[in-house]
PDB file of N, CA and C in Angstrom:
ATOM      1  N   MET A   1       0.802  -1.102   0.008  1.00  0.00           N
ATOM      2  CA  MET A   1      -0.021  -0.005   0.032  1.00  0.00           C
ATOM      3  C   MET A   1       0.933   1.254   0.035  1.00  0.00           C
ATOM      4  N   ALA A   2       0.473   2.277  -0.695  1.00  0.00           N
ATOM      5  CA  ALA A   2       1.278   3.431  -0.838  1.00  0.00           C
ATOM      6  C   ALA A   2       1.010   4.386   0.342  1.00  0.00           C
ATOM      7  N   VAL A   3       2.123   5.107   0.701  1.00  0.00           N
ATOM      8  CA  VAL A   3       1.999   6.023   1.823  1.00  0.00           C
ATOM      9  C   VAL A   3       1.756   7.418   1.197  1.00  0.00           C
ATOM     10  N   PHE A   4       0.773   8.141   1.632  1.00  0.00           N
ATOM     11  CA  PHE A   4       0.410   9.408   1.142  1.00  0.00           C
ATOM     12  C   PHE A   4       1.161  10.452   2.002  1.00  0.00           C
ATOM     13  N   THR A   5       1.612  11.512   1.389  1.00  0.00           N
ATOM     14  CA  THR A   5       2.331  12.524   2.115  1.00  0.00           C
ATOM     15  C   THR A   5       1.269  13.491   2.730  1.00  0.00           C
ATOM     16  N   SER A   6       1.680  14.145   3.889  1.00  0.00           N
ATOM     17  CA  SER A   6       0.762  15.001   4.546  1.00  0.00           C
ATOM     18  C   SER A   6       0.867  16.428   3.925  1.00  0.00           C
ATOM     19  N   LYS A   7       1.876  16.633   3.139  1.00  0.00           N
ATOM     20  CA  LYS A   7       2.016  18.012   2.482  1.00  0.00           C
ATOM     21  C   LYS A   7       1.137  18.138   1.271  1.00  0.00           C
ATOM     22  N   LYS A   8       0.491  19.312   1.166  1.00  0.00           N
ATOM     23  CA  LYS A   8      -0.298  19.568   0.030  1.00  0.00           C
ATOM     24  C   LYS A   8       0.590  19.987  -1.150  1.00  0.00           C
ATOM     25  N   TYR A   9       0.126  19.747  -2.302  1.00  0.00           N
ATOM     26  CA  TYR A   9       0.934  20.145  -3.494  1.00  0.00           C
ATOM     27  C   TYR A   9       0.682  21.618  -3.744  1.00  0.00           C
ATOM     28  N   ARG A  10       1.731  22.352  -3.788  1.00  0.00           N
ATOM     29  CA  ARG A  10       1.640  23.778  -4.167  1.00  0.00           C
ATOM     30  C   ARG A  10       2.529  24.103  -5.334  1.00  0.00           C
ATOM     31  N   SER A  11       1.971  24.799  -6.293  1.00  0.00           N
ATOM     32  CA  SER A  11       2.758  24.999  -7.506  1.00  0.00           C
ATOM     33  C   SER A  11       3.716  26.152  -7.177  1.00  0.00           C
ATOM     34  N   ALA A  12       4.721  26.376  -8.059  1.00  0.00           N
ATOM     35  CA  ALA A  12       5.747  27.413  -7.858  1.00  0.00           C
ATOM     36  C   ALA A  12       5.146  28.782  -7.795  1.00  0.00           C
ATOM     37  N   ALA A  13       4.036  29.012  -8.513  1.00  0.00           N
ATOM     38  CA  ALA A  13       3.312  30.350  -8.479  1.00  0.00           C
ATOM     39  C   ALA A  13       2.739  30.544  -7.105  1.00  0.00           C
ATOM     40  N   ASP A  14       2.225  29.510  -6.448  1.00  0.00           N
ATOM     41  CA  ASP A  14       1.673  29.649  -5.117  1.00  0.00           C
ATOM     42  C   ASP A  14       2.737  29.866  -4.067  1.00  0.00           C
ATOM     43  N   LEU A  15       3.936  29.309  -4.286  1.00  0.00           N
ATOM     44  CA  LEU A  15       4.986  29.378  -3.259  1.00  0.00           C
ATOM     45  C   LEU A  15       5.508  30.802  -3.241  1.00  0.00           C
ATOM     46  N   ASN A  16       5.426  31.648  -4.294  1.00  0.00           N
ATOM     47  CA  ASN A  16       5.935  32.941  -4.339  1.00  0.00           C
ATOM     48  C   ASN A  16       4.871  34.045  -4.108  1.00  0.00           C
ATOM     49  N   SER A  17       3.696  33.631  -3.803  1.00  0.00           N
ATOM     50  CA  SER A  17       2.633  34.598  -3.604  1.00  0.00           C
ATOM     51  C   SER A  17       2.799  35.301  -2.219  1.00  0.00           C
ATOM     52  N   GLY A  18       2.193  36.420  -2.043  1.00  0.00           N
ATOM     53  CA  GLY A  18       2.318  37.089  -0.754  1.00  0.00           C
ATOM     54  C   GLY A  18       1.694  36.297   0.464  1.00  0.00           C
ATOM     55  N   ALA A  19       0.626  35.631   0.195  1.00  0.00           N
ATOM     56  CA  ALA A  19       0.037  34.809   1.236  1.00  0.00           C
ATOM     57  C   ALA A  19       0.931  33.704   1.738  1.00  0.00           C
ATOM     58  N   ALA A  20       1.642  33.104   0.742  1.00  0.00           N
ATOM     59  CA  ALA A  20       2.601  31.984   1.122  1.00  0.00           C
ATOM     60  C   ALA A  20       3.822  32.573   1.913  1.00  0.00           C
ATOM     61  N   LYS A  21       4.242  33.703   1.511  1.00  0.00           N
ATOM     62  CA  LYS A  21       5.428  34.341   2.236  1.00  0.00           C
ATOM     63  C   LYS A  21       4.930  34.750   3.650  1.00  0.00           C
ATOM     64  N   TYR A  22       3.701  35.219   3.791  1.00  0.00           N
ATOM     65  CA  TYR A  22       3.185  35.590   5.082  1.00  0.00           C
ATOM     66  C   TYR A  22       3.101  34.317   5.946  1.00  0.00           C
ATOM     67  N   ARG A  23       2.533  33.225   5.439  1.00  0.00           N
ATOM     68  CA  ARG A  23       2.456  31.934   6.178  1.00  0.00           C
ATOM     69  C   ARG A  23       3.799  31.543   6.699  1.00  0.00           C
ATOM     70  N   ARG A  24       4.783  31.595   5.755  1.00  0.00           N
ATOM     71  CA  ARG A  24       6.135  31.117   6.216  1.00  0.00           C
ATOM     72  C   ARG A  24       6.744  32.067   7.261  1.00  0.00           C
ATOM     73  N   ALA A  25       6.498  33.335   7.142  1.00  0.00           N
ATOM     74  CA  ALA A  25       7.020  34.271   8.067  1.00  0.00           C
ATOM     75  C   ALA A  25       6.325  34.064   9.491  1.00  0.00           C
ATOM     76  N   ILE A  26       5.118  33.758   9.534  1.00  0.00           N
ATOM     77  CA  ILE A  26       4.378  33.448  10.799  1.00  0.00           C
ATOM     78  C   ILE A  26       4.893  32.161  11.413  1.00  0.00           C
ATOM     79  N   ALA A  27       5.089  31.216  10.545  1.00  0.00           N
ATOM     80  CA  ALA A  27       5.621  29.954  11.105  1.00  0.00           C
ATOM     81  C   ALA A  27       7.073  30.080  11.677  1.00  0.00           C
ATOM     82  N   LYS A  28       7.875  30.957  11.074  1.00  0.00           N
ATOM     83  CA  LYS A  28       9.250  31.146  11.604  1.00  0.00           C
ATOM     84  C   LYS A  28       9.254  32.079  12.818  1.00  0.00           C
ATOM     85  N   HIS A  29       8.375  33.122  12.789  1.00  0.00           N
ATOM     86  CA  HIS A  29       8.377  34.171  13.847  1.00  0.00           C
ATOM     87  C   HIS A  29       6.958  34.210  14.488  1.00  0.00           C
ATOM     88  N   PRO A  30       6.776  33.564  15.612  1.00  0.00           N
ATOM     89  CA  PRO A  30       5.398  33.655  16.216  1.00  0.00           C
ATOM     90  C   PRO A  30       5.096  35.003  16.831  1.00  0.00           C
ATOM     91  N   PHE A  31       6.191  35.887  16.926  1.00  0.00           N
ATOM     92  CA  PHE A  31       5.840  37.243  17.452  1.00  0.00           C
ATOM     93  C   PHE A  31       4.894  37.988  16.559  1.00  0.00           C
ATOM     94  N   LEU A  32       4.872  37.662  15.199  1.00  0.00           N
ATOM     95  CA  LEU A  32       3.956  38.293  14.338  1.00  0.00           C
ATOM     96  C   LEU A  32       2.492  37.949  14.639  1.00  0.00           C
ATOM     97  N   THR A  33       2.283  36.771  15.183  1.00  0.00           N
ATOM     98  CA  THR A  33       0.887  36.290  15.495  1.00  0.00           C
ATOM     99  C   THR A  33       0.391  36.909  16.861  1.00  0.00           C
ATOM    100  N   PHE A  34       1.282  36.930  17.862  1.00  0.00           N
ATOM    101  CA  PHE A  34       0.849  37.258  19.213  1.00  0.00           C
ATOM    102  C   PHE A  34       1.461  38.599  19.569  1.00  0.00           C
ATOM    103  N   GLY A  35       2.701  38.819  19.483  1.00  0.00           N
ATOM    104  CA  GLY A  35       3.349  40.008  20.043  1.00  0.00           C
ATOM    105  C   GLY A  35       3.078  41.318  19.353  1.00  0.00           C
ATOM    106  N   LEU A  36       3.074  41.272  17.984  1.00  0.00           N
ATOM    107  CA  LEU A  36       2.730  42.479  17.263  1.00  0.00           C
ATOM    108  C   LEU A  36       1.351  43.030  17.540  1.00  0.00           C
ATOM    109  N   PRO A  37       0.309  42.209  17.390  1.00  0.00           N
ATOM    110  CA  PRO A  37      -1.038  42.737  17.744  1.00  0.00           C
ATOM    111  C   PRO A  37      -1.115  43.233  19.138  1.00  0.00           C
ATOM    112  N   PHE A  38      -0.539  42.535  20.117  1.00  0.00           N
ATOM    113  CA  PHE A  38      -0.546  42.988  21.519  1.00  0.00           C
ATOM    114  C   PHE A  38       0.127  44.387  21.663  1.00  0.00           C
ATOM    115  N   LEU A  39       1.292  44.567  21.161  1.00  0.00           N
ATOM    116  CA  LEU A  39       1.953  45.889  21.260  1.00  0.00           C
ATOM    117  C   LEU A  39       1.148  46.949  20.494  1.00  0.00           C
ATOM    118  N   THR A  40       0.550  46.612  19.381  1.00  0.00           N
ATOM    119  CA  THR A  40      -0.219  47.623  18.626  1.00  0.00           C
ATOM    120  C   THR A  40      -1.424  48.104  19.510  1.00  0.00           C
ATOM    121  N   ILE A  41      -2.044  47.127  20.162  1.00  0.00           N
ATOM    122  CA  ILE A  41      -3.222  47.482  21.030  1.00  0.00           C
ATOM    123  C   ILE A  41      -2.800  48.344  22.173  1.00  0.00           C
ATOM    124  N   ILE A  42      -1.647  47.995  22.778  1.00  0.00           N
ATOM    125  CA  ILE A  42      -1.129  48.765  23.993  1.00  0.00           C
ATOM    126  C   ILE A  42      -0.787  50.171  23.509  1.00  0.00           C
ATOM    127  N   ILE A  43      -0.084  50.363  22.390  1.00  0.00           N
ATOM    128  CA  ILE A  43       0.310  51.682  21.948  1.00  0.00           C
ATOM    129  C   ILE A  43      -0.959  52.527  21.484  1.00  0.00           C
ATOM    130  N   ALA A  44      -1.842  51.900  20.794  1.00  0.00           N
ATOM    131  CA  ALA A  44      -3.090  52.612  20.405  1.00  0.00           C
ATOM    132  C   ALA A  44      -3.864  52.993  21.601  1.00  0.00           C
ATOM    133  N   GLY A  45      -3.980  52.126  22.593  1.00  0.00           N
ATOM    134  CA  GLY A  45      -4.712  52.439  23.842  1.00  0.00           C
ATOM    135  C   GLY A  45      -4.066  53.563  24.616  1.00  0.00           C
ATOM    136  N   SER A  46      -2.717  53.690  24.571  1.00  0.00           N
ATOM    137  CA  SER A  46      -2.025  54.736  25.178  1.00  0.00           C
ATOM    138  C   SER A  46      -2.463  56.106  24.588  1.00  0.00           C
ATOM    139  N   PHE A  47      -2.489  56.141  23.232  1.00  0.00           N
ATOM    140  CA  PHE A  47      -2.908  57.393  22.599  1.00  0.00           C
ATOM    141  C   PHE A  47      -4.330  57.773  22.978  1.00  0.00           C
ATOM    142  N   VAL A  48      -5.241  56.811  22.932  1.00  0.00           N
ATOM    143  CA  VAL A  48      -6.678  57.070  23.259  1.00  0.00           C
ATOM    144  C   VAL A  48      -6.870  57.513  24.633  1.00  0.00           C
ATOM    145  N   LEU A  49      -6.209  56.830  25.619  1.00  0.00           N
ATOM    146  CA  LEU A  49      -6.288  57.185  27.030  1.00  0.00           C
ATOM    147  C   LEU A  49      -5.650  58.544  27.318  1.00  0.00           C
ATOM    148  N   THR A  50      -4.642  58.945  26.595  1.00  0.00           N
ATOM    149  CA  THR A  50      -4.026  60.269  26.777  1.00  0.00           C
ATOM    150  C   THR A  50      -5.059  61.336  26.407  1.00  0.00           C
ATOM    151  N   ARG A  51      -5.730  61.170  25.314  1.00  0.00           N
ATOM    152  CA  ARG A  51      -6.761  62.163  24.949  1.00  0.00           C
ATOM    153  C   ARG A  51      -7.853  62.210  25.961  1.00  0.00           C
ATOM    154  N   ALA A  52      -8.311  60.987  26.401  1.00  0.00           N
ATOM    155  CA  ALA A  52      -9.433  60.948  27.301  1.00  0.00           C
ATOM    156  C   ALA A  52      -9.058  61.611  28.668  1.00  0.00           C
ATOM    157  N   THR A  53      -7.877  61.365  29.134  1.00  0.00           N
ATOM    158  CA  THR A  53      -7.433  61.934  30.391  1.00  0.00           C
ATOM    159  C   THR A  53      -7.323  63.525  30.252  1.00  0.00           C
ATOM    160  N   ALA A  54      -6.847  63.957  29.076  1.00  0.00           N
ATOM    161  CA  ALA A  54      -6.737  65.450  28.919  1.00  0.00           C
ATOM    162  C   ALA A  54      -8.122  66.043  28.867  1.00  0.00           C
ATOM    163  N   ILE A  55      -9.131  65.457  28.341  1.00  0.00           N
ATOM    164  CA  ILE A  55     -10.462  65.939  28.312  1.00  0.00           C
ATOM    165  C   ILE A  55     -10.976  66.034  29.720  1.00  0.00           C
ATOM    166  N   ARG A  56     -10.653  65.002  30.537  1.00  0.00           N
ATOM    167  CA  ARG A  56     -11.089  64.961  31.966  1.00  0.00           C
ATOM    168  C   ARG A  56     -10.495  66.163  32.698  1.00  0.00           C
ATOM    169  N   TYR A  57      -9.238  66.460  32.579  1.00  0.00           N
ATOM    170  CA  TYR A  57      -8.599  67.533  33.334  1.00  0.00           C
ATOM    171  C   TYR A  57      -9.019  68.842  32.841  1.00  0.00           C
ATOM    172  N   GLU A  58      -9.281  68.976  31.517  1.00  0.00           N
ATOM    173  CA  GLU A  58      -9.820  70.244  30.982  1.00  0.00           C
ATOM    174  C   GLU A  58     -11.208  70.549  31.534  1.00  0.00           C
ATOM    175  N   LYS A  59     -12.031  69.543  31.631  1.00  0.00           N
ATOM    176  CA  LYS A  59     -13.363  69.705  32.233  1.00  0.00           C
ATOM    177  C   LYS A  59     -13.256  70.198  33.652  1.00  0.00           C
ATOM    178  N   HIS A  60     -12.361  69.491  34.413  1.00  0.00           N
ATOM    179  CA  HIS A  60     -12.117  69.919  35.812  1.00  0.00           C
ATOM    180  C   HIS A  60     -11.620  71.321  35.907  1.00  0.00           C
ATOM    181  N   ASP A  61     -10.742  71.741  35.043  1.00  0.00           N
ATOM    182  CA  ASP A  61     -10.189  73.151  35.088  1.00  0.00           C
ATOM    183  C   ASP A  61     -11.229  74.151  34.747  1.00  0.00           C
ATOM    184  N   ARG A  62     -12.247  73.820  33.905  1.00  0.00           N
ATOM    185  CA  ARG A  62     -13.284  74.709  33.604  1.00  0.00           C
ATOM    186  C   ARG A  62     -14.209  74.879  34.731  1.00  0.00           C
ATOM    187  N   ARG A  63     -14.427  73.776  35.530  1.00  0.00           N
ATOM    188  CA  ARG A  63     -15.337  73.888  36.696  1.00  0.00           C
ATOM    189  C   ARG A  63     -14.697  74.552  37.859  1.00  0.00           C
ATOM    190  N   VAL A  64     -13.447  74.333  38.103  1.00  0.00           N
ATOM    191  CA  VAL A  64     -12.711  74.948  39.251  1.00  0.00           C
ATOM    192  C   VAL A  64     -11.755  75.955  38.744  1.00  0.00           C
ATOM    193  N   LYS A  65     -11.994  77.190  39.089  1.00  0.00           N
ATOM    194  CA  LYS A  65     -11.024  78.254  38.629  1.00  0.00           C
ATOM    195  C   LYS A  65     -10.526  78.901  39.907  1.00  0.00           C
ATOM    196  N   GLN A  66      -9.355  79.536  39.746  1.00  0.00           N
ATOM    197  CA  GLN A  66      -8.720  80.210  40.876  1.00  0.00           C
ATOM    198  C   GLN A  66      -9.331  81.618  41.035  1.00  0.00           C
ATOM    199  N   MET A  67      -9.636  81.995  42.282  1.00  0.00           N
ATOM    200  CA  MET A  67     -10.227  83.304  42.448  1.00  0.00           C
ATOM    201  C   MET A  67      -9.142  84.283  42.748  1.00  0.00           C
ATOM    202  N   THR A  68      -9.279  85.506  42.287  1.00  0.00           N
ATOM    203  CA  THR A  68      -8.325  86.599  42.607  1.00  0.00           C
ATOM    204  C   THR A  68      -8.651  87.080  44.035  1.00  0.00           C
ATOM    205  N   ARG A  69      -7.766  87.893  44.541  1.00  0.00           N
ATOM    206  CA  ARG A  69      -7.951  88.345  45.933  1.00  0.00           C
ATOM    207  C   ARG A  69      -9.206  89.320  45.984  1.00  0.00           C
ATOM    208  N   ASP A  70      -9.404  90.107  44.961  1.00  0.00           N
ATOM    209  CA  ASP A  70     -10.628  90.944  45.026  1.00  0.00           C
ATOM    210  C   ASP A  70     -11.922  90.125  45.034  1.00  0.00           C
ATOM    211  N   GLU A  71     -11.932  89.059  44.148  1.00  0.00           N
ATOM    212  CA  GLU A  71     -13.151  88.247  44.136  1.00  0.00           C
ATOM    213  C   GLU A  71     -13.345  87.564  45.535  1.00  0.00           C
ATOM    214  N   GLU A  72     -12.286  87.135  46.096  1.00  0.00           N
ATOM    215  CA  GLU A  72     -12.417  86.431  47.437  1.00  0.00           C
ATOM    216  C   GLU A  72     -12.945  87.396  48.457  1.00  0.00           C
ATOM    217  N   LEU A  73     -12.487  88.611  48.399  1.00  0.00           N
ATOM    218  CA  LEU A  73     -13.015  89.665  49.442  1.00  0.00           C
ATOM    219  C   LEU A  73     -14.499  89.891  49.163  1.00  0.00           C
ATOM    220  N   ASN A  74     -14.859  89.941  47.887  1.00  0.00           N
ATOM    221  CA  ASN A  74     -16.335  90.159  47.593  1.00  0.00           C
ATOM    222  C   ASN A  74     -17.209  88.996  48.010  1.00  0.00           C
ATOM    223  N   VAL A  75     -16.679  87.826  48.054  1.00  0.00           N
ATOM    224  CA  VAL A  75     -17.526  86.641  48.441  1.00  0.00           C
ATOM    225  C   VAL A  75     -17.809  86.672  49.923  1.00  0.00           C
ATOM    226  N   ARG A  76     -16.811  87.030  50.712  1.00  0.00           N
ATOM    227  CA  ARG A  76     -17.009  87.083  52.138  1.00  0.00           C
ATOM    228  C   ARG A  76     -17.739  88.370  52.539  1.00  0.00           C
ATOM    229  N   LYS A  77     -18.636  88.274  53.422  1.00  0.00           N
ATOM    230  CA  LYS A  77     -19.461  89.461  53.787  1.00  0.00           C
ATOM    231  C   LYS A  77     -18.702  90.411  54.728  1.00  0.00           C
ATOM    232  N   ASN A  78     -17.936  89.926  55.580  1.00  0.00           N
ATOM    233  CA  ASN A  78     -17.208  90.774  56.557  1.00  0.00           C
ATOM    234  C   ASN A  78     -15.713  90.497  56.490  1.00  0.00           C
ATOM    235  N   PRO A  79     -15.074  91.006  55.457  1.00  0.00           N
ATOM    236  CA  PRO A  79     -13.638  90.699  55.328  1.00  0.00           C
ATOM    237  C   PRO A  79     -12.829  91.508  56.348  1.00  0.00           C
ATOM    238  N   ARG A  80     -11.899  90.853  57.053  1.00  0.00           N
ATOM    239  CA  ARG A  80     -11.013  91.584  57.948  1.00  0.00           C
ATOM    240  C   ARG A  80      -9.665  91.020  57.732  1.00  0.00           C
ATOM    241  N   LYS A  81      -8.704  91.830  58.005  1.00  0.00           N
ATOM    242  CA  LYS A  81      -7.310  91.410  57.904  1.00  0.00           C
ATOM    243  C   LYS A  81      -6.942  90.534  59.100  1.00  0.00           C
ATOM    244  N   VAL A  82      -6.279  89.435  58.834  1.00  0.00           N
ATOM    245  CA  VAL A  82      -5.960  88.527  59.897  1.00  0.00           C
ATOM    246  C   VAL A  82      -4.415  88.589  60.223  1.00  0.00           C
ATOM    247  N   ASP A  83      -4.032  88.755  61.411  1.00  0.00           N
ATOM    248  CA  ASP A  83      -2.621  88.846  61.801  1.00  0.00           C
ATOM    249  C   ASP A  83      -2.489  87.713  62.851  1.00  0.00           C
ATOM    250  N   TRP A  84      -1.504  86.884  62.738  1.00  0.00           N
ATOM    251  CA  TRP A  84      -1.376  85.779  63.616  1.00  0.00           C
ATOM    252  C   TRP A  84      -1.007  86.222  65.071  1.00  0.00           C
ATOM    253  N   ARG A  85      -0.343  87.228  65.225  1.00  0.00           N
ATOM    254  CA  ARG A  85      -0.058  87.773  66.550  1.00  0.00           C
ATOM    255  C   ARG A  85      -1.314  88.126  67.310  1.00  0.00           C
ATOM    256  N   ASP A  86      -2.193  88.864  66.605  1.00  0.00           N
ATOM    257  CA  ASP A  86      -3.476  89.253  67.218  1.00  0.00           C
ATOM    258  C   ASP A  86      -4.315  88.082  67.576  1.00  0.00           C
ATOM    259  N   GLU A  87      -4.312  87.116  66.687  1.00  0.00           N
ATOM    260  CA  GLU A  87      -5.119  85.885  66.966  1.00  0.00           C
ATOM    261  C   GLU A  87      -4.590  85.149  68.093  1.00  0.00           C
ATOM    262  N   TYR A  88      -3.271  85.032  68.264  1.00  0.00           N
ATOM    263  CA  TYR A  88      -2.672  84.357  69.369  1.00  0.00           C
ATOM    264  C   TYR A  88      -3.062  85.014  70.702  1.00  0.00           C
ATOM    265  N   GLN A  89      -2.959  86.329  70.730  1.00  0.00           N
ATOM    266  CA  GLN A  89      -3.255  87.082  71.933  1.00  0.00           C
ATOM    267  C   GLN A  89      -4.793  86.913  72.291  1.00  0.00           C
ATOM    268  N   ARG A  90      -5.591  86.992  71.225  1.00  0.00           N
ATOM    269  CA  ARG A  90      -7.086  86.775  71.523  1.00  0.00           C
ATOM    270  C   ARG A  90      -7.429  85.404  72.048  1.00  0.00           C
ATOM    271  N   LEU A  91      -6.794  84.370  71.534  1.00  0.00           N
ATOM    272  CA  LEU A  91      -6.981  83.021  72.010  1.00  0.00           C
ATOM    273  C   LEU A  91      -6.379  82.834  73.416  1.00  0.00           C
ATOM    274  N   ARG A  92      -5.271  83.473  73.620  1.00  0.00           N
ATOM    275  CA  ARG A  92      -4.648  83.278  74.970  1.00  0.00           C
ATOM    276  C   ARG A  92      -5.502  84.081  76.038  1.00  0.00           C
ATOM    277  N   ALA A  93      -6.050  85.128  75.686  1.00  0.00           N
ATOM    278  CA  ALA A  93      -6.880  85.856  76.621  1.00  0.00           C
ATOM    279  C   ALA A  93      -8.193  85.144  77.007  1.00  0.00           C
ATOM    280  N   ASP A  94      -8.712  84.255  76.042  1.00  0.00           N
ATOM    281  CA  ASP A  94      -9.940  83.544  76.247  1.00  0.00           C
ATOM    282  C   ASP A  94      -9.709  82.429  77.232  1.00  0.00           C
ATOM    283  N   LYS A  95      -8.547  81.831  77.293  1.00  0.00           N
ATOM    284  CA  LYS A  95      -8.340  80.616  78.048  1.00  0.00           C
ATOM    285  C   LYS A  95      -7.158  80.856  79.011  1.00  0.00           C
ATOM    286  N   ASP A  96      -7.333  80.297  80.144  1.00  0.00           N
ATOM    287  CA  ASP A  96      -6.188  80.432  81.133  1.00  0.00           C
ATOM    288  C   ASP A  96      -5.315  79.117  80.876  1.00  0.00           C
ATOM    289  N   LEU A  97      -4.129  79.285  80.279  1.00  0.00           N
ATOM    290  CA  LEU A  97      -3.337  78.186  79.894  1.00  0.00           C
ATOM    291  C   LEU A  97      -2.465  77.623  81.001  1.00  0.00           C
ATOM    292  N   ASP A  98      -2.409  78.362  82.129  1.00  0.00           N
ATOM    293  CA  ASP A  98      -1.541  77.897  83.234  1.00  0.00           C
ATOM    294  C   ASP A  98      -2.340  77.077  84.271  1.00  0.00           C
ATOM    295  N   ASP A  99      -3.604  77.230  84.307  1.00  0.00           N
ATOM    296  CA  ASP A  99      -4.389  76.484  85.308  1.00  0.00           C
ATOM    297  C   ASP A  99      -5.316  75.464  84.625  1.00  0.00           C
ATOM    298  N   TRP A 100      -4.908  74.257  84.512  1.00  0.00           N
ATOM    299  CA  TRP A 100      -5.737  73.285  83.870  1.00  0.00           C
ATOM    300  C   TRP A 100      -5.552  71.908  84.502  1.00  0.00           C
ATOM    301  N   GLN A 101      -6.529  71.014  84.374  1.00  0.00           N
ATOM    302  CA  GLN A 101      -6.417  69.673  84.890  1.00  0.00           C
ATOM    303  C   GLN A 101      -6.725  68.644  83.766  1.00  0.00           C
ATOM    304  N   GLN A 102      -6.031  67.531  83.880  1.00  0.00           N
ATOM    305  CA  GLN A 102      -6.280  66.499  82.917  1.00  0.00           C
ATOM    306  C   GLN A 102      -7.355  65.624  83.417  1.00  0.00           C
ATOM    307  N   LYS A 103      -8.390  65.421  82.613  1.00  0.00           N
ATOM    308  CA  LYS A 103      -9.617  64.605  82.900  1.00  0.00           C
ATOM    309  C   LYS A 103      -9.759  63.483  82.060  1.00  0.00           C
ATOM    310  N   ARG A 104     -10.289  62.399  82.505  1.00  0.00           N
ATOM    311  CA  ARG A 104     -10.529  61.238  81.628  1.00  0.00           C
ATOM    312  C   ARG A 104     -11.939  61.469  80.955  1.00  0.00           C
ATOM    313  N   ALA A 105     -12.098  61.022  79.769  1.00  0.00           N
ATOM    314  CA  ALA A 105     -13.328  61.166  79.011  1.00  0.00           C
ATOM    315  C   ALA A 105     -14.413  60.200  79.699  1.00  0.00           C
ATOM    316  N   GLU A 106     -15.544  60.683  79.720  1.00  0.00           N
ATOM    317  CA  GLU A 106     -16.697  59.866  80.257  1.00  0.00           C
ATOM    318  C   GLU A 106     -16.902  58.699  79.343  1.00  0.00           C
ATOM    319  N   ARG A 107     -17.120  57.516  79.947  1.00  0.00           N
ATOM    320  CA  ARG A 107     -17.395  56.275  79.221  1.00  0.00           C
ATOM    321  C   ARG A 107     -18.897  56.015  79.124  1.00  0.00           C
ATOM    322  N   LEU A 108     -19.247  55.268  78.161  1.00  0.00           N
ATOM    323  CA  LEU A 108     -20.635  54.888  77.983  1.00  0.00           C
ATOM    324  C   LEU A 108     -20.926  53.775  79.009  1.00  0.00           C
ATOM    325  N   PRO A 109     -22.175  53.623  79.448  1.00  0.00           N
ATOM    326  CA  PRO A 109     -22.464  52.493  80.380  1.00  0.00           C
ATOM    327  C   PRO A 109     -22.137  51.099  79.826  1.00  0.00           C
ATOM    328  N   GLY A 110     -21.432  50.314  80.482  1.00  0.00           N
ATOM    329  CA  GLY A 110     -20.969  49.049  80.066  1.00  0.00           C
ATOM    330  C   GLY A 110     -19.758  48.994  79.272  1.00  0.00           C
ATOM    331  N   GLU A 111     -19.192  50.129  79.021  1.00  0.00           N
ATOM    332  CA  GLU A 111     -17.885  50.219  78.201  1.00  0.00           C
ATOM    333  C   GLU A 111     -16.698  50.093  79.205  1.00  0.00           C
ATOM    334  N   PRO A 112     -15.722  49.300  78.916  1.00  0.00           N
ATOM    335  CA  PRO A 112     -14.576  49.207  79.881  1.00  0.00           C
ATOM    336  C   PRO A 112     -13.782  50.537  79.843  1.00  0.00           C
ATOM    337  N   ASP A 113     -13.421  50.964  81.065  1.00  0.00           N
ATOM    338  CA  ASP A 113     -12.678  52.190  81.134  1.00  0.00           C
ATOM    339  C   ASP A 113     -11.233  52.058  81.017  1.00  0.00           C
ATOM    340  N   GLY A 114     -10.641  50.947  80.928  1.00  0.00           N
ATOM    341  CA  GLY A 114      -9.236  50.643  80.660  1.00  0.00           C
ATOM    342  C   GLY A 114      -8.457  50.546  81.988  1.00  0.00           C
ATOM    343  N   THR A 115      -9.071  50.639  83.133  1.00  0.00           N
ATOM    344  CA  THR A 115      -8.336  50.517  84.428  1.00  0.00           C
ATOM    345  C   THR A 115      -8.504  49.077  84.909  1.00  0.00           C
ATOM    346  N   MET A 116      -7.553  48.650  85.634  1.00  0.00           N
ATOM    347  CA  MET A 116      -7.569  47.306  86.129  1.00  0.00           C
ATOM    348  C   MET A 116      -7.904  47.192  87.595  1.00  0.00           C
TER     349      MET A 116
END
């Protein structure tokens, strides 16, 4: 009984066609099948996401704008100049900082107070 070959017959014209060259290149270099499409998708996605992110930040910048000093004073009803020295003296006068006692916080009923 004769043994049949598993190879298909291809004419010389078929062997030099673009499709045959492409099939041979894929067989020799599997990067063309898997790696090249993967890298193409990653790079194309990078460009798309860059534009999408830029749109997001532009929208945020349109919504939030920096106010000038004059606009800030017009927003507040009673604008007053704040000096840290005056504020410190005012807070110090309100409280007696030298006479104080440390107190434990009140616990809820049934809550352990942390003492043994």
